[in-house]
Amino acid sequence: MELTLAIREVGRTTIVSVGGEIDVYTAPKLRDKITELVAAGAYDLIVDLEAVEFLDSTGLGVLVGGLKKVRAHDGSLQLVCTQDRLLKIFRITGLSKVFTIHESAESAIAAG
């Protein structure tokens, strides 16, 4: 399965829409994109996981790494996720307490 990434800007916020599977093979692509965005000055990121079909520990590590990168610049990394199977992963790992998880990109933007 391929990983797709689509980037769009809404004001000062950058939305990264992810599709496909985030696993040991595809996670580096997401990590590189987040690193590239932060290097370009994008410190307020929303990662939209609505089209993600699979997420493993490597993918979780990339998201945590991205959070650390933006926090180093007083930024934020919020998630959009409504899929129960993915939300369960965040709950089990305790990452639901680390990430702010929204039902839509619009609600994430409104929350600031």
C-alpha atoms as a PDB file:
ATOM      1  CA  MET A   1       0.000   0.000   0.000  1.00  0.00           C
ATOM      2  CA  GLU A   2       1.240   3.441  -0.869  1.00  0.00           C
ATOM      3  CA  LEU A   3       1.284   6.459   1.432  1.00  0.00           C
ATOM      4  CA  THR A   4      -0.200   9.651   0.042  1.00  0.00           C
ATOM      5  CA  LEU A   5       0.434  13.114   1.422  1.00  0.00           C
ATOM      6  CA  ALA A   6      -1.416  16.294   0.532  1.00  0.00           C
ATOM      7  CA  ILE A   7      -0.395  19.632   2.023  1.00  0.00           C
ATOM      8  CA  ARG A   8      -2.556  22.724   2.295  1.00  0.00           C
ATOM      9  CA  GLU A   9      -2.229  25.992   4.159  1.00  0.00           C
ATOM     10  CA  VAL A  10      -5.047  27.600   6.124  1.00  0.00           C
ATOM     11  CA  GLY A  11      -3.786  30.875   7.517  1.00  0.00           C
ATOM     12  CA  ARG A  12      -0.770  30.071   9.692  1.00  0.00           C
ATOM     13  CA  THR A  13      -1.717  26.394   9.959  1.00  0.00           C
ATOM     14  CA  THR A  14      -0.425  23.655   7.672  1.00  0.00           C
ATOM     15  CA  ILE A  15      -2.666  20.644   7.163  1.00  0.00           C
ATOM     16  CA  VAL A  16      -1.033  17.368   6.184  1.00  0.00           C
ATOM     17  CA  SER A  17      -3.667  14.960   4.856  1.00  0.00           C
ATOM     18  CA  VAL A  18      -2.345  11.407   5.011  1.00  0.00           C
ATOM     19  CA  GLY A  19      -3.783   8.447   3.135  1.00  0.00           C
ATOM     20  CA  GLY A  20      -2.970   4.754   2.944  1.00  0.00           C
ATOM     21  CA  GLU A  21      -0.785   2.924   5.424  1.00  0.00           C
ATOM     22  CA  ILE A  22       1.754   4.389   7.836  1.00  0.00           C
ATOM     23  CA  ASP A  23       4.128   1.526   8.563  1.00  0.00           C
ATOM     24  CA  VAL A  24       7.833   0.754   8.733  1.00  0.00           C
ATOM     25  CA  TYR A  25       8.118   1.171   4.950  1.00  0.00           C
ATOM     26  CA  THR A  26       6.101   4.352   4.449  1.00  0.00           C
ATOM     27  CA  ALA A  27       6.643   6.220   7.730  1.00  0.00           C
ATOM     28  CA  PRO A  28       9.957   7.774   6.589  1.00  0.00           C
ATOM     29  CA  LYS A  29       8.058   9.618   3.839  1.00  0.00           C
ATOM     30  CA  LEU A  30       5.785  11.230   6.452  1.00  0.00           C
ATOM     31  CA  ARG A  31       8.740  11.946   8.761  1.00  0.00           C
ATOM     32  CA  ASP A  32      10.661  13.624   5.933  1.00  0.00           C
ATOM     33  CA  LYS A  33       7.641  15.758   4.998  1.00  0.00           C
ATOM     34  CA  ILE A  34       7.119  16.920   8.605  1.00  0.00           C
ATOM     35  CA  THR A  35      10.859  17.687   8.920  1.00  0.00           C
ATOM     36  CA  GLU A  36      10.739  19.640   5.649  1.00  0.00           C
ATOM     37  CA  LEU A  37       7.690  21.651   6.761  1.00  0.00           C
ATOM     38  CA  VAL A  38       9.216  22.526  10.145  1.00  0.00           C
ATOM     39  CA  ALA A  39      12.488  23.512   8.458  1.00  0.00           C
ATOM     40  CA  ALA A  40      10.447  25.847   6.219  1.00  0.00           C
ATOM     41  CA  GLY A  41       8.889  27.516   9.281  1.00  0.00           C
ATOM     42  CA  ALA A  42       5.589  25.621   9.560  1.00  0.00           C
ATOM     43  CA  TYR A  43       5.210  25.136  13.323  1.00  0.00           C
ATOM     44  CA  ASP A  44       1.432  24.693  13.601  1.00  0.00           C
ATOM     45  CA  LEU A  45       0.574  21.402  11.958  1.00  0.00           C
ATOM     46  CA  ILE A  46      -2.609  19.399  11.693  1.00  0.00           C
ATOM     47  CA  VAL A  47      -2.118  15.800  10.577  1.00  0.00           C
ATOM     48  CA  ASP A  48      -5.371  14.506   9.088  1.00  0.00           C
ATOM     49  CA  LEU A  49      -5.502  10.720   9.492  1.00  0.00           C
ATOM     50  CA  GLU A  50      -9.023  10.215   8.118  1.00  0.00           C
ATOM     51  CA  ALA A  51      -7.823   8.345   5.007  1.00  0.00           C
ATOM     52  CA  VAL A  52      -5.267   6.227   6.896  1.00  0.00           C
ATOM     53  CA  GLU A  53      -6.084   2.525   6.717  1.00  0.00           C
ATOM     54  CA  PHE A  54      -3.250   1.245   8.912  1.00  0.00           C
ATOM     55  CA  LEU A  55      -0.956   2.749  11.544  1.00  0.00           C
ATOM     56  CA  ASP A  56       1.811   0.883  13.348  1.00  0.00           C
ATOM     57  CA  SER A  57       4.339   1.766  16.036  1.00  0.00           C
ATOM     58  CA  THR A  58       6.703   3.253  13.464  1.00  0.00           C
ATOM     59  CA  GLY A  59       3.966   5.653  12.400  1.00  0.00           C
ATOM     60  CA  LEU A  60       3.246   6.564  16.020  1.00  0.00           C
ATOM     61  CA  GLY A  61       6.951   7.272  16.470  1.00  0.00           C
ATOM     62  CA  VAL A  62       6.932   9.611  13.477  1.00  0.00           C
ATOM     63  CA  LEU A  63       3.961  11.532  14.928  1.00  0.00           C
ATOM     64  CA  VAL A  64       5.649  11.838  18.335  1.00  0.00           C
ATOM     65  CA  GLY A  65       8.874  12.948  16.633  1.00  0.00           C
ATOM     66  CA  GLY A  66       6.927  15.553  14.676  1.00  0.00           C
ATOM     67  CA  LEU A  67       5.333  16.810  17.879  1.00  0.00           C
ATOM     68  CA  LYS A  68       8.784  17.236  19.444  1.00  0.00           C
ATOM     69  CA  LYS A  69      10.004  19.132  16.366  1.00  0.00           C
ATOM     70  CA  VAL A  70       7.166  21.676  16.399  1.00  0.00           C
ATOM     71  CA  ARG A  71       7.221  22.064  20.194  1.00  0.00           C
ATOM     72  CA  ALA A  72      10.896  23.059  19.928  1.00  0.00           C
ATOM     73  CA  HIS A  73       9.543  26.129  18.101  1.00  0.00           C
ATOM     74  CA  ASP A  74       6.572  26.655  20.460  1.00  0.00           C
ATOM     75  CA  GLY A  75       4.330  25.117  17.816  1.00  0.00           C
ATOM     76  CA  SER A  76       1.659  22.444  17.868  1.00  0.00           C
ATOM     77  CA  LEU A  77       0.829  19.207  16.106  1.00  0.00           C
ATOM     78  CA  GLN A  78      -2.827  18.233  16.291  1.00  0.00           C
ATOM     79  CA  LEU A  79      -4.481  15.172  14.807  1.00  0.00           C
ATOM     80  CA  VAL A  80      -7.738  14.635  12.951  1.00  0.00           C
ATOM     81  CA  CYS A  81      -9.052  11.132  13.534  1.00  0.00           C
ATOM     82  CA  THR A  82     -12.541   9.659  13.930  1.00  0.00           C
ATOM     83  CA  GLN A  83     -11.766   6.024  13.119  1.00  0.00           C
ATOM     84  CA  ASP A  84     -12.330   3.822  16.156  1.00  0.00           C
ATOM     85  CA  ARG A  85      -9.546   1.395  15.282  1.00  0.00           C
ATOM     86  CA  LEU A  86      -6.978   4.224  15.144  1.00  0.00           C
ATOM     87  CA  LEU A  87      -8.375   6.016  18.187  1.00  0.00           C
ATOM     88  CA  LYS A  88      -8.034   2.750  20.098  1.00  0.00           C
ATOM     89  CA  ILE A  89      -4.307   2.685  19.278  1.00  0.00           C
ATOM     90  CA  PHE A  90      -3.908   6.213  20.646  1.00  0.00           C
ATOM     91  CA  ARG A  91      -5.840   5.283  23.816  1.00  0.00           C
ATOM     92  CA  ILE A  92      -3.942   2.031  24.439  1.00  0.00           C
ATOM     93  CA  THR A  93      -0.555   3.713  24.021  1.00  0.00           C
ATOM     94  CA  GLY A  94      -1.523   6.707  26.153  1.00  0.00           C
ATOM     95  CA  LEU A  95      -0.904   9.025  23.206  1.00  0.00           C
ATOM     96  CA  SER A  96      -4.509  10.260  23.358  1.00  0.00           C
ATOM     97  CA  LYS A  97      -3.267  12.290  26.353  1.00  0.00           C
ATOM     98  CA  VAL A  98      -0.266  13.600  24.397  1.00  0.00           C
ATOM     99  CA  PHE A  99      -2.015  14.631  21.182  1.00  0.00           C
ATOM    100  CA  THR A 100      -5.067  16.801  20.782  1.00  0.00           C
ATOM    101  CA  ILE A 101      -7.369  14.761  18.540  1.00  0.00           C
ATOM    102  CA  HIS A 102     -10.191  16.455  16.607  1.00  0.00           C
ATOM    103  CA  GLU A 103     -13.090  15.211  14.504  1.00  0.00           C
ATOM    104  CA  SER A 104     -12.267  17.496  11.558  1.00  0.00           C
ATOM    105  CA  ALA A 105      -9.562  19.826  10.301  1.00  0.00           C
ATOM    106  CA  GLU A 106     -12.028  22.680  10.696  1.00  0.00           C
ATOM    107  CA  SER A 107     -12.533  21.971  14.411  1.00  0.00           C
ATOM    108  CA  ALA A 108      -8.745  21.706  14.862  1.00  0.00           C
ATOM    109  CA  ILE A 109      -8.264  25.102  13.206  1.00  0.00           C
ATOM    110  CA  ALA A 110     -11.050  26.626  15.313  1.00  0.00           C
ATOM    111  CA  ALA A 111      -9.423  25.270  18.472  1.00  0.00           C
ATOM    112  CA  GLY A 112      -6.229  27.028  17.501  1.00  0.00           C
END
